[in-house]
Protein backbone atom coordinates (compact mmCIF):
# COMPACT_ATOMS: atom_id res chain seq x y z
CA UNK A 1 0.00 0.00 0.00
CA UNK A 2 1.32 3.42 -0.92
CA UNK A 3 0.98 5.86 1.95
CA UNK A 4 -1.14 8.89 0.99
CA UNK A 5 -0.08 11.54 3.45
CA UNK A 6 0.59 15.27 3.07
CA UNK A 7 3.00 17.30 5.17
CA UNK A 8 3.40 20.89 4.04
CA UNK A 9 6.82 22.46 3.67
CA UNK A 10 6.00 24.87 6.52
CA UNK A 11 5.17 21.97 8.85
CA UNK A 12 8.27 20.01 7.80
CA UNK A 13 10.51 23.02 8.45
CA UNK A 14 8.84 23.54 11.85
CA UNK A 15 9.57 19.94 12.89
CA UNK A 16 13.14 20.12 11.48
CA UNK A 17 13.90 23.17 13.64
CA UNK A 18 12.03 22.05 16.77
CA UNK A 19 13.57 18.56 16.79
CA UNK A 20 16.99 19.68 15.53
CA UNK A 21 17.06 17.13 12.70
CA UNK A 22 20.56 16.56 11.36
CA UNK A 23 21.77 15.02 8.10
CA UNK A 24 21.02 11.30 7.95
CA UNK A 25 18.22 11.51 10.54
CA UNK A 26 14.54 11.06 9.78
CA UNK A 27 11.37 11.87 11.69
CA UNK A 28 9.23 8.85 12.55
CA UNK A 29 5.47 9.32 12.79
CA UNK A 30 3.68 6.70 14.87
CA UNK A 31 0.27 6.00 16.41
CA UNK A 32 -0.19 6.85 20.08
CA UNK A 33 -3.03 5.50 22.18
CA UNK A 34 -3.80 7.10 25.51
CA UNK A 35 -5.46 9.85 27.39
CA UNK A 36 -6.78 10.85 30.76
CA UNK A 37 -10.49 10.33 31.30
CA UNK A 38 -11.02 8.77 27.88
CA UNK A 39 -8.81 6.78 25.58
CA UNK A 40 -8.12 8.22 22.17
CA UNK A 41 -5.64 8.16 19.32
CA UNK A 42 -3.07 10.69 18.22
CA UNK A 43 0.27 10.58 16.47
CA UNK A 44 3.73 10.97 17.90
CA UNK A 45 6.91 12.08 16.21
CA UNK A 46 10.53 11.33 17.08
CA UNK A 47 13.96 11.32 15.48
CA UNK A 48 14.96 7.98 13.96
CA UNK A 49 16.70 6.38 11.00
CA UNK A 50 15.11 5.13 7.79
CA UNK A 51 14.72 1.34 7.58
CA UNK A 52 14.11 -0.68 4.40
CA UNK A 53 10.55 -1.51 5.50
CA UNK A 54 9.50 2.13 6.09
CA UNK A 55 7.15 4.24 4.04
CA UNK A 56 9.22 7.38 3.34
CA UNK A 57 7.84 10.83 2.60
CA UNK A 58 10.40 13.52 1.78
CA UNK A 59 9.41 17.14 2.21
CA UNK A 60 12.24 19.50 1.36
CA UNK A 61 15.29 18.17 3.18
CA UNK A 62 13.26 16.30 5.83
CA UNK A 63 12.45 12.58 5.57
CA UNK A 64 9.34 11.38 7.43
CA UNK A 65 9.05 7.64 7.98
CA UNK A 66 6.11 5.42 8.92
CA UNK A 67 5.94 1.72 9.75
CA UNK A 68 3.28 -0.45 8.11
CA UNK A 69 1.63 -1.00 11.51
CA UNK A 70 0.99 2.76 11.80
CA UNK A 71 0.01 3.44 8.18
CA UNK A 72 -3.72 2.69 8.75
CA UNK A 73 -4.03 5.83 10.89
CA UNK A 74 -1.65 8.14 9.03
CA UNK A 75 -2.86 7.28 5.50
CA UNK A 76 -4.96 10.24 4.34
CA UNK A 77 -3.61 12.64 6.97
CA UNK A 78 -2.63 16.26 6.26
CA UNK A 79 -0.23 18.08 8.58
CA UNK A 80 0.18 21.83 8.16
CA UNK A 81 1.34 24.88 10.11
CA UNK A 82 -1.09 27.76 10.59
CA UNK A 83 -0.28 31.48 10.74
CA UNK A 84 0.15 31.24 14.55
CA UNK A 85 2.91 28.60 14.11
CA UNK A 86 0.68 25.83 15.44
CA UNK A 87 0.42 22.40 13.87
CA UNK A 88 -2.95 21.71 12.26
CA UNK A 89 -3.92 18.12 11.47
CA UNK A 90 -6.82 16.92 9.35
CA UNK A 91 -7.77 13.61 7.78
CA UNK A 92 -9.59 12.85 4.55
CA UNK A 93 -11.24 9.73 5.99
CA UNK A 94 -11.71 10.20 9.74
CA UNK A 95 -14.14 12.75 11.12
CA UNK A 96 -12.44 12.63 14.53
CA UNK A 97 -8.73 11.88 14.81
CA UNK A 98 -9.05 10.75 18.43
CA UNK A 99 -11.66 8.11 17.42
CA UNK A 100 -10.70 7.00 13.90
CA UNK A 101 -13.56 4.50 13.61
CA UNK A 102 -15.92 7.41 12.87
CA UNK A 103 -15.42 7.87 9.15
CA UNK A 104 -16.44 10.94 7.20
CA UNK A 105 -19.49 10.68 4.97
CA UNK A 106 -18.45 10.34 1.33
CA UNK A 107 -18.67 13.52 -0.71
CA UNK A 108 -21.60 13.68 -3.11
CA UNK A 109 -20.68 14.04 -6.73
CA UNK A 110 -23.11 16.34 -8.61
């Protein structure tokens, strides 16, 4: 399965600066499960190395990597940076990112 994920250049540059990514390093996106009061999903990000089994998305000089086990959640995700320098995440399939079983209604084609 090809991973369909969008990370804007602004978001990639934000993560590169914030996590001090150096040459040869990648940023791994992964599914996180947790919460206080109710359990929900989110994604985490950490510095790592690219492995042969990874899905790799290159944005500018930043490589983002995802394992197959995490692709179900990240496939269809869009990560951007707004004008207040805050990360904004949306998903083409899930109405709520914290409960990804609730899928969006399909768009009507006129």
